[in-house]
Amino acid sequence: MDEEIEIINTNTRVEKLKNFLISKRKQLITSLILIILILITFFGYQEFKSSSKEKLANKFNSIVTNFETGKKENINNSLIEIINTKDKTYSPLAFFFLLDNDLITSSDEINSYFDLLINEVSLEKEIKNLTIYKKGLFNSEFVQENELLNILNPVIKSEDILPKSDWYKKFEKYWEPSEQKARENLDNFVNKSILNYGVNRDFPSIKGTSLLSPYIRNGQINVGDIWQKCKKLKSNNVSIKKYTNEIGWREFSHSLINYFPQMLKGNLRKEFDKFPWVNNSKFLNAWKKGMTGYPIVDAGMRELYETGWMHNRIRMVVGSFLVKHLRINWKEGEKYFRNCLLDFNEANNVAQWQWVAGCGADAAPYFRIFNPILQGEKFDKQGDYVKKWVPELSKVPPKYIHKPWEMEKKYQEAINTIIGSSYPMPIVVHEKARADALSAFQSIKKKN
């Protein structure tokens, strides 16, 4: 009896195992069939895709061939069919073909296909620029300029190009950017001012320079024309020679960066690579804003920010103050001038900053340190230049205009100009700053 029960149990287990294996086999077969179907679908799709691409290529090539042999029937419709396939290769090719051969005569059509190519085909934005380049649409007879601008609105928007604020508008008070104005300024300078240039160029309150540098920078007048205009004077006047020498210095700067391109990124004189520059953002910002406490320096920096230009004599004064009184790297000054000057010229800017820092070609010795007080008293004796750009000092008498901190407190109160409140105290003391600068210079001499 027990043996019979055992046989029955064994048969039951075998039956269950058999059923389990049959079930798993069915699942395995189903999975294999599914995988095969997926592979067939994938390769079939790829073959279909490849076949579709090949058909598009053949269709497009056929259209081009027919067009070139004079068979132009239904070409527009065929090309539009290709565009509507939204293929990333042949849709834009069909569009360009329509444009190149004047087969589109409606700005609405152009606009429609632009939208399709850019938004639905998701082509890169460069397609728009490429289209303009290939077609030269501004010269097209069938699209007026204002229509084209409407079409290209998503691409070219003035508000995306211009600064967010109207800070540049102030320049319109000081400059009229045109070739005609440049010629007019040159004629006025040569006819009325050049004979006194040698003396007047040092006084910032006098219009003693040509003011042509922004026009040169922006291509509205050529230095060759200026040179020839001066040579026609046929005079031995020293001022004319000094002015033409300045043009020569400009060309010298260009020669320097041509033969020594390393100047664009570093010191020409390599011993200055070891100079102990000071990293002081507070002093740098005070210098940029014209709040150093030295009136002639502050007047220059404010003139720069307001007009995009600065008088040549004052450029040397503010440059010397930054690199010698504050011992801030000349590169900071070069960068700020680059961003502010309407007459910015890469060669001139780099060469002149290295000149004033003592690390460039034919540079001013580092120990030549401009005294901002004496420079003011010598070249702006009455303070006219300072008072124009630093109006908070307008009531200060000439005796104190370049050292207002020396006024007695009661006198400051009498003219309502409190130094330290109305206008800042000097951020450094000249005598100490000069001594520190000379000491720093001596330190690199010892290392070499």
Protein backbone atom coordinates (compact mmCIF):
# COMPACT_ATOMS: atom_id res chain seq x y z
CA MET A 1 0.00 0.00 0.00
CA ASP A 2 2.77 2.42 0.88
CA GLU A 3 4.58 1.63 -2.37
CA GLU A 4 1.45 2.43 -4.38
CA ILE A 5 1.11 5.81 -2.64
CA GLU A 6 4.77 6.58 -3.35
CA ILE A 7 4.35 5.75 -7.06
CA ILE A 8 1.30 8.00 -7.27
CA ASN A 9 3.21 10.90 -5.65
CA THR A 10 6.14 10.42 -8.00
CA ASN A 11 3.88 10.40 -11.04
CA THR A 12 2.24 13.57 -9.79
CA ARG A 13 5.59 15.35 -9.42
CA VAL A 14 6.71 14.24 -12.86
CA GLU A 15 3.46 15.52 -14.36
CA LYS A 16 3.87 18.89 -12.63
CA LEU A 17 7.50 19.16 -13.82
CA LYS A 18 6.42 18.27 -17.35
CA ASN A 19 3.71 20.93 -17.30
CA PHE A 20 6.19 23.50 -15.91
CA LEU A 21 8.71 22.80 -18.69
CA ILE A 22 6.02 22.98 -21.36
CA SER A 23 4.90 26.36 -19.95
CA LYS A 24 8.46 27.73 -19.92
CA ARG A 25 9.07 26.50 -23.44
CA LYS A 26 5.98 28.33 -24.64
CA GLN A 27 7.19 31.53 -22.91
CA LEU A 28 10.64 31.15 -24.45
CA ILE A 29 9.18 30.61 -27.92
CA THR A 30 6.92 33.64 -27.47
CA SER A 31 9.91 35.77 -26.40
CA LEU A 32 11.98 34.60 -29.36
CA ILE A 33 9.14 35.35 -31.75
CA LEU A 34 8.78 38.83 -30.20
CA ILE A 35 12.51 39.50 -30.56
CA ILE A 36 12.46 38.34 -34.18
CA LEU A 37 9.47 40.57 -34.90
CA ILE A 38 11.27 43.58 -33.31
CA LEU A 39 14.39 42.92 -35.37
CA ILE A 40 12.36 42.54 -38.54
CA THR A 41 10.51 45.77 -37.77
CA PHE A 42 13.74 47.66 -36.97
CA PHE A 43 15.65 46.53 -40.04
CA GLY A 44 12.57 46.95 -42.13
CA TYR A 45 12.23 50.53 -40.87
CA GLN A 46 15.88 51.23 -41.54
CA GLU A 47 15.52 49.81 -45.02
CA PHE A 48 12.39 51.87 -45.49
CA LYS A 49 14.13 54.94 -44.14
CA SER A 50 17.13 54.36 -46.37
CA SER A 51 14.83 53.73 -49.29
CA SER A 52 12.89 56.95 -48.57
CA LYS A 53 16.13 58.95 -48.36
CA GLU A 54 17.29 57.42 -51.62
CA LYS A 55 13.98 58.26 -53.26
CA LEU A 56 14.23 61.87 -52.07
CA ALA A 57 17.78 62.10 -53.39
CA ASN A 58 16.75 60.69 -56.75
CA LYS A 59 13.74 63.00 -56.90
CA PHE A 60 15.77 66.11 -56.07
CA ASN A 61 18.53 65.22 -58.55
CA SER A 62 15.93 64.60 -61.20
CA ILE A 63 14.37 68.02 -60.59
CA VAL A 64 17.76 69.72 -60.88
CA THR A 65 18.53 67.86 -64.12
CA ASN A 66 15.14 68.70 -65.62
CA PHE A 67 15.47 72.35 -64.68
CA GLU A 68 18.92 72.62 -66.24
CA THR A 69 17.65 71.03 -69.48
CA GLY A 70 14.67 73.36 -69.66
CA LYS A 71 12.01 70.94 -68.43
CA LYS A 72 10.41 73.18 -65.79
CA GLU A 73 6.86 71.80 -65.68
CA ASN A 74 5.59 71.22 -62.10
CA ILE A 75 9.04 71.89 -60.65
CA ASN A 76 7.63 74.18 -57.95
CA ASN A 77 5.14 71.58 -56.78
CA SER A 78 7.79 68.85 -56.75
CA LEU A 79 10.17 70.99 -54.69
CA ILE A 80 7.42 71.95 -52.26
CA GLU A 81 6.61 68.25 -51.84
CA ILE A 82 10.23 67.66 -50.86
CA ILE A 83 10.14 70.60 -48.40
CA ASN A 84 7.01 69.17 -46.80
CA THR A 85 8.71 65.83 -46.15
CA LYS A 86 10.60 67.73 -43.42
CA ASP A 87 13.79 65.86 -44.26
CA LYS A 88 16.78 67.58 -42.67
CA THR A 89 18.89 67.23 -45.80
CA TYR A 90 16.61 67.61 -48.77
CA SER A 91 13.98 70.00 -47.39
CA PRO A 92 16.47 72.90 -47.06
CA LEU A 93 18.09 71.97 -50.38
CA ALA A 94 14.71 72.23 -52.10
CA PHE A 95 14.08 75.56 -50.37
CA PHE A 96 17.45 76.96 -51.45
CA PHE A 97 16.81 75.79 -55.01
CA LEU A 98 13.52 77.69 -55.05
CA LEU A 99 15.25 80.82 -53.78
CA ASP A 100 18.29 80.61 -56.02
CA ASN A 101 16.20 80.30 -59.15
CA ASP A 102 13.55 82.91 -58.28
CA LEU A 103 10.84 80.27 -58.14
CA ILE A 104 9.25 81.84 -55.05
CA THR A 105 7.54 85.17 -55.65
CA SER A 106 5.76 85.74 -52.37
CA SER A 107 7.12 86.86 -49.03
CA ASP A 108 4.33 84.86 -47.38
CA GLU A 109 5.66 81.69 -48.99
CA ILE A 110 9.20 82.46 -47.83
CA ASN A 111 7.93 83.12 -44.33
CA SER A 112 5.94 79.89 -44.33
CA TYR A 113 8.87 77.72 -45.41
CA PHE A 114 11.20 79.47 -42.98
CA ASP A 115 8.84 78.55 -40.15
CA LEU A 116 8.61 74.96 -41.32
CA LEU A 117 12.37 74.50 -41.67
CA ILE A 118 13.26 76.18 -38.40
CA ASN A 119 10.43 75.10 -36.14
CA GLU A 120 9.27 71.73 -37.48
CA VAL A 121 12.40 70.38 -39.12
CA SER A 122 14.36 71.82 -36.14
CA LEU A 123 17.31 72.90 -38.22
CA GLU A 124 20.08 74.94 -36.65
CA LYS A 125 19.65 78.73 -36.57
CA GLU A 126 22.55 79.12 -38.97
CA ILE A 127 20.24 78.14 -41.82
CA LYS A 128 18.78 81.62 -41.69
CA ASN A 129 22.15 83.31 -42.14
CA LEU A 130 23.06 80.81 -44.85
CA THR A 131 19.84 81.61 -46.68
CA ILE A 132 20.54 85.33 -46.59
CA TYR A 133 24.09 84.74 -47.79
CA LYS A 134 23.13 82.40 -50.63
CA LYS A 135 20.33 84.52 -51.95
CA GLY A 136 21.41 88.06 -51.15
CA LEU A 137 17.77 88.72 -50.39
CA PHE A 138 18.22 92.44 -49.73
CA ASN A 139 18.91 92.81 -53.46
CA SER A 140 15.95 90.69 -54.45
CA GLU A 141 13.42 92.30 -56.73
CA PHE A 142 10.48 90.39 -55.36
CA VAL A 143 11.00 91.01 -51.63
CA GLN A 144 11.06 94.59 -50.37
CA GLU A 145 13.52 95.35 -47.58
CA ASN A 146 10.80 95.98 -44.99
CA GLU A 147 9.15 92.68 -45.91
CA LEU A 148 12.44 90.86 -45.50
CA LEU A 149 12.98 92.43 -42.08
CA ASN A 150 9.57 91.16 -41.05
CA ILE A 151 10.50 87.69 -42.28
CA LEU A 152 13.80 87.75 -40.41
CA ASN A 153 12.38 89.21 -37.20
CA PRO A 154 13.04 86.00 -35.27
CA VAL A 155 16.70 86.27 -36.33
CA ILE A 156 17.66 89.93 -36.27
CA LYS A 157 16.16 92.04 -33.51
CA SER A 158 17.71 95.37 -32.65
CA GLU A 159 16.74 94.95 -29.01
CA ASP A 160 18.84 91.78 -28.90
CA ILE A 161 21.88 93.62 -30.25
CA LEU A 162 21.74 97.03 -28.59
CA PRO A 163 22.51 97.54 -24.88
CA LYS A 164 19.56 97.24 -22.53
CA SER A 165 19.99 100.86 -21.39
CA ASP A 166 20.55 103.99 -23.48
CA TRP A 167 23.94 104.81 -21.95
CA TYR A 168 25.42 105.25 -25.44
CA LYS A 169 22.96 108.07 -26.26
CA LYS A 170 25.07 110.59 -24.34
CA PHE A 171 27.82 110.29 -26.95
CA GLU A 172 25.54 112.05 -29.43
CA LYS A 173 26.18 115.26 -27.48
CA TYR A 174 29.89 115.07 -28.20
CA TRP A 175 30.33 113.23 -31.49
CA GLU A 176 28.86 113.19 -34.96
CA PRO A 177 30.12 109.94 -36.48
CA SER A 178 30.43 110.56 -40.21
CA GLU A 179 33.11 110.90 -42.85
CA GLN A 180 31.88 114.42 -43.57
CA LYS A 181 32.36 115.48 -39.94
CA ALA A 182 35.81 113.88 -39.86
CA ARG A 183 36.85 115.87 -42.95
CA GLU A 184 35.40 119.03 -41.46
CA ASN A 185 37.32 118.52 -38.20
CA LEU A 186 40.55 117.91 -40.10
CA ASP A 187 40.09 121.07 -42.18
CA ASN A 188 39.34 123.17 -39.09
CA PHE A 189 42.33 121.76 -37.24
CA VAL A 190 44.79 122.26 -40.10
CA ASN A 191 43.50 125.74 -40.93
CA LYS A 192 43.07 127.09 -37.39
CA SER A 193 44.86 125.05 -34.72
CA ILE A 194 47.78 122.98 -35.96
CA LEU A 195 50.33 125.82 -35.77
CA ASN A 196 49.76 126.01 -32.00
CA TYR A 197 49.44 122.27 -31.46
CA GLY A 198 52.89 121.90 -29.92
CA VAL A 199 51.90 124.08 -26.95
CA ASN A 200 48.11 123.77 -26.72
CA ARG A 201 48.03 119.96 -26.84
CA ASP A 202 49.14 119.80 -23.19
CA PHE A 203 46.26 121.86 -21.80
CA PRO A 204 43.08 119.80 -21.39
CA SER A 205 40.77 122.81 -21.04
CA ILE A 206 41.83 124.06 -24.51
CA LYS A 207 40.65 122.46 -27.74
CA GLY A 208 44.25 122.07 -28.83
CA THR A 209 44.18 118.59 -30.37
CA SER A 210 42.54 117.38 -33.58
CA LEU A 211 39.94 115.10 -31.91
CA LEU A 212 40.24 112.82 -34.94
CA SER A 213 41.15 109.59 -33.15
CA PRO A 214 37.56 108.24 -32.87
CA TYR A 215 37.06 108.86 -36.59
CA ILE A 216 40.32 107.08 -37.42
CA ARG A 217 39.32 104.16 -35.20
CA ASN A 218 35.94 103.79 -36.91
CA GLY A 219 37.20 104.16 -40.47
CA GLN A 220 35.73 107.58 -41.23
CA ILE A 221 39.11 109.06 -42.05
CA ASN A 222 42.47 107.58 -42.94
CA VAL A 223 45.82 108.45 -41.34
CA GLY A 224 47.32 108.64 -44.82
CA ASP A 225 44.89 111.42 -45.74
CA ILE A 226 45.73 113.29 -42.54
CA TRP A 227 49.44 112.93 -43.24
CA GLN A 228 49.08 114.22 -46.79
CA LYS A 229 46.95 117.15 -45.62
CA CYS A 230 49.66 118.19 -43.16
CA LYS A 231 52.45 117.80 -45.71
CA LYS A 232 50.67 120.16 -48.09
CA LEU A 233 51.25 122.98 -45.59
CA LYS A 234 54.94 122.97 -46.59
CA SER A 235 55.98 124.56 -43.33
CA ASN A 236 58.83 123.96 -40.92
CA ASN A 237 56.61 124.89 -38.00
CA VAL A 238 57.53 122.69 -35.03
CA SER A 239 53.88 122.07 -34.14
CA ILE A 240 53.18 120.48 -37.50
CA LYS A 241 56.14 118.18 -36.99
CA LYS A 242 54.95 117.27 -33.50
CA TYR A 243 51.52 116.40 -34.85
CA THR A 244 52.84 114.22 -37.67
CA ASN A 245 55.18 112.59 -35.14
CA GLU A 246 52.09 111.48 -33.21
CA ILE A 247 50.84 109.74 -36.35
CA GLY A 248 54.26 108.09 -36.54
CA TRP A 249 53.93 106.87 -32.95
CA ARG A 250 50.63 105.25 -33.91
CA GLU A 251 52.33 103.32 -36.69
CA PHE A 252 55.20 102.44 -34.35
CA SER A 253 52.70 100.82 -31.98
CA HIS A 254 51.37 98.67 -34.81
CA SER A 255 54.90 97.64 -35.73
CA LEU A 256 55.57 96.65 -32.13
CA ILE A 257 52.68 94.22 -31.85
CA ASN A 258 53.49 92.86 -35.28
CA TYR A 259 57.08 91.98 -34.35
CA PHE A 260 56.38 91.34 -30.66
CA PRO A 261 52.84 89.90 -30.49
CA GLN A 262 53.54 88.74 -26.94
CA MET A 263 52.97 92.37 -25.93
CA LEU A 264 49.24 91.86 -26.39
CA LYS A 265 49.15 89.56 -23.38
CA GLY A 266 52.18 90.45 -21.28
CA ASN A 267 55.15 92.65 -20.54
CA LEU A 268 57.65 93.31 -23.32
CA ARG A 269 60.34 93.70 -20.67
CA LYS A 270 60.20 90.35 -18.91
CA GLU A 271 61.71 91.57 -15.65
CA PHE A 272 58.32 93.14 -14.96
CA ASP A 273 56.80 89.66 -14.80
CA LYS A 274 58.15 89.67 -11.24
CA PHE A 275 56.83 93.10 -10.34
CA PRO A 276 54.84 93.07 -7.05
CA TRP A 277 51.52 94.43 -8.32
CA VAL A 278 48.83 95.14 -5.75
CA ASN A 279 45.40 93.55 -6.05
CA ASN A 280 43.07 96.20 -4.62
CA SER A 281 39.56 96.23 -6.09
CA LYS A 282 38.49 99.14 -3.87
CA PHE A 283 41.23 101.42 -5.26
CA LEU A 284 40.64 100.16 -8.81
CA ASN A 285 36.93 101.01 -8.62
CA ALA A 286 37.70 104.45 -7.15
CA TRP A 287 40.03 105.08 -10.08
CA LYS A 288 37.43 103.95 -12.63
CA LYS A 289 34.72 106.14 -11.11
CA GLY A 290 36.90 109.24 -10.76
CA MET A 291 36.79 109.19 -6.97
CA THR A 292 40.49 109.00 -6.04
CA GLY A 293 40.59 112.36 -4.28
CA TYR A 294 43.05 113.75 -6.83
CA PRO A 295 41.04 116.21 -8.95
CA ILE A 296 43.06 116.02 -12.19
CA VAL A 297 42.87 112.21 -12.15
CA ASP A 298 39.16 112.18 -11.35
CA ALA A 299 38.39 114.76 -14.04
CA GLY A 300 40.10 112.59 -16.64
CA MET A 301 38.31 109.41 -15.62
CA ARG A 302 34.94 111.15 -15.63
CA GLU A 303 35.62 112.71 -19.04
CA LEU A 304 36.39 109.22 -20.33
CA TYR A 305 33.19 107.69 -18.99
CA GLU A 306 31.02 110.58 -20.18
CA THR A 307 32.45 111.15 -23.66
CA GLY A 308 34.32 107.96 -24.57
CA TRP A 309 37.50 110.01 -24.99
CA MET A 310 40.22 111.51 -22.80
CA HIS A 311 42.80 114.22 -23.38
CA ASN A 312 46.26 112.82 -24.19
CA ARG A 313 48.12 114.57 -21.36
CA ILE A 314 45.54 113.33 -18.88
CA ARG A 315 45.78 109.77 -20.20
CA MET A 316 49.41 109.75 -19.09
CA VAL A 317 48.48 111.21 -15.68
CA VAL A 318 45.70 108.70 -14.91
CA GLY A 319 47.80 105.83 -16.28
CA SER A 320 50.76 106.71 -14.10
CA PHE A 321 48.49 107.09 -11.08
CA LEU A 322 47.04 103.58 -11.54
CA VAL A 323 50.32 101.70 -12.07
CA LYS A 324 52.58 103.74 -9.77
CA HIS A 325 50.51 105.38 -7.03
CA LEU A 326 48.17 102.40 -6.70
CA ARG A 327 50.58 99.79 -8.12
CA ILE A 328 47.70 98.06 -9.90
CA ASN A 329 48.68 96.00 -12.94
CA TRP A 330 48.62 97.99 -16.17
CA LYS A 331 46.45 95.26 -17.70
CA GLU A 332 43.53 96.46 -15.59
CA GLY A 333 43.88 99.94 -17.02
CA GLU A 334 44.30 98.61 -20.55
CA LYS A 335 41.12 96.56 -20.19
CA TYR A 336 39.10 99.50 -18.86
CA PHE A 337 40.28 101.82 -21.62
CA ARG A 338 39.49 99.10 -24.15
CA ASN A 339 35.90 99.03 -22.90
CA CYS A 340 35.44 102.82 -22.69
CA LEU A 341 37.40 104.51 -25.46
CA LEU A 342 35.64 105.33 -28.70
CA ASP A 343 39.10 105.64 -30.25
CA PHE A 344 40.28 102.29 -28.86
CA ASN A 345 43.11 100.88 -30.94
CA GLU A 346 44.59 97.60 -29.76
CA ALA A 347 48.17 98.43 -30.71
CA ASN A 348 48.10 101.95 -29.29
CA ASN A 349 46.35 100.91 -26.10
CA VAL A 350 48.74 98.09 -25.23
CA ALA A 351 51.88 99.98 -26.26
CA GLN A 352 50.98 103.16 -24.37
CA TRP A 353 49.97 101.35 -21.19
CA GLN A 354 53.26 99.48 -21.22
CA TRP A 355 55.05 102.75 -21.92
CA VAL A 356 53.58 104.44 -18.86
CA ALA A 357 54.15 101.34 -16.71
CA GLY A 358 57.81 101.20 -17.73
CA CYS A 359 57.58 97.66 -19.11
CA GLY A 360 57.24 98.38 -22.84
CA ALA A 361 59.39 99.57 -25.72
CA ASP A 362 61.18 102.90 -25.26
CA ALA A 363 59.19 103.11 -22.04
CA ALA A 364 59.16 105.91 -19.52
CA PRO A 365 61.44 104.88 -16.66
CA TYR A 366 59.45 103.41 -13.81
CA PHE A 367 60.89 106.02 -11.48
CA ARG A 368 59.27 108.74 -13.61
CA ILE A 369 56.13 109.16 -11.55
CA PHE A 370 53.66 111.87 -12.49
CA ASN A 371 52.75 114.02 -9.50
CA PRO A 372 48.99 114.54 -9.97
CA ILE A 373 49.08 117.78 -7.97
CA LEU A 374 51.90 119.36 -9.98
CA GLN A 375 50.46 118.09 -13.27
CA GLY A 376 47.19 119.80 -12.44
CA GLU A 377 48.83 123.04 -11.36
CA LYS A 378 51.00 123.13 -14.48
CA PHE A 379 48.44 122.20 -17.15
CA ASP A 380 45.14 123.25 -15.55
CA LYS A 381 46.24 126.20 -13.43
CA GLN A 382 42.83 127.80 -12.98
CA GLY A 383 41.10 124.43 -12.65
CA ASP A 384 38.80 124.94 -15.63
CA TYR A 385 39.15 121.32 -16.75
CA VAL A 386 38.68 119.95 -13.24
CA LYS A 387 35.61 122.09 -12.56
CA LYS A 388 34.00 120.99 -15.82
CA TRP A 389 34.21 117.29 -14.96
CA VAL A 390 34.23 117.44 -11.16
CA PRO A 391 31.47 120.00 -10.53
CA GLU A 392 31.45 119.39 -6.77
CA LEU A 393 34.71 121.38 -6.72
CA SER A 394 33.34 124.30 -8.75
CA LYS A 395 33.59 126.73 -5.81
CA VAL A 396 37.12 125.81 -4.85
CA PRO A 397 39.62 128.62 -5.63
CA PRO A 398 42.55 127.95 -8.02
CA LYS A 399 45.01 127.88 -5.12
CA TYR A 400 43.42 124.71 -3.76
CA ILE A 401 41.73 123.20 -6.80
CA HIS A 402 44.36 120.46 -7.16
CA LYS A 403 44.77 119.87 -3.42
CA PRO A 404 41.36 120.72 -1.92
CA TRP A 405 42.10 118.78 1.29
CA GLU A 406 44.50 121.58 2.27
CA MET A 407 41.65 124.10 2.62
CA GLU A 408 40.82 125.03 6.18
CA LYS A 409 37.67 123.45 7.53
CA LYS A 410 35.93 126.79 7.97
CA TYR A 411 36.61 127.67 4.35
CA GLN A 412 35.25 124.31 3.18
CA GLU A 413 32.10 125.02 5.15
CA ALA A 414 31.85 128.53 3.73
CA ILE A 415 31.76 127.24 0.15
CA ASN A 416 29.73 124.16 1.12
CA THR A 417 32.42 121.78 -0.16
CA ILE A 418 33.43 119.39 2.58
CA ILE A 419 36.40 117.23 1.63
CA GLY A 420 35.69 113.72 2.80
CA SER A 421 31.97 114.24 2.24
CA SER A 422 31.24 116.38 -0.83
CA TYR A 423 34.40 115.04 -2.45
CA PRO A 424 36.67 112.21 -1.23
CA MET A 425 39.94 112.55 0.56
CA PRO A 426 42.93 111.19 -1.42
CA ILE A 427 42.88 107.39 -1.33
CA VAL A 428 46.69 107.39 -1.07
CA VAL A 429 49.23 109.98 0.04
CA HIS A 430 51.38 111.00 -2.92
CA GLU A 431 54.71 110.99 -1.11
CA LYS A 432 54.20 107.55 0.45
CA ALA A 433 52.77 106.08 -2.76
CA ARG A 434 55.78 107.34 -4.71
CA ALA A 435 58.20 105.86 -2.20
CA ASP A 436 56.41 102.50 -2.25
CA ALA A 437 56.47 102.44 -6.06
CA LEU A 438 60.21 103.12 -6.17
CA SER A 439 60.81 100.43 -3.57
CA ALA A 440 58.80 97.93 -5.65
CA PHE A 441 60.85 98.82 -8.71
CA GLN A 442 64.08 98.31 -6.81
CA SER A 443 62.88 94.87 -5.75
CA ILE A 444 62.74 93.57 -9.34
CA LYS A 445 66.12 95.15 -10.13
CA LYS A 446 67.67 93.13 -7.31
CA LYS A 447 66.07 89.90 -8.58
CA ASN A 448 67.65 90.47 -11.96
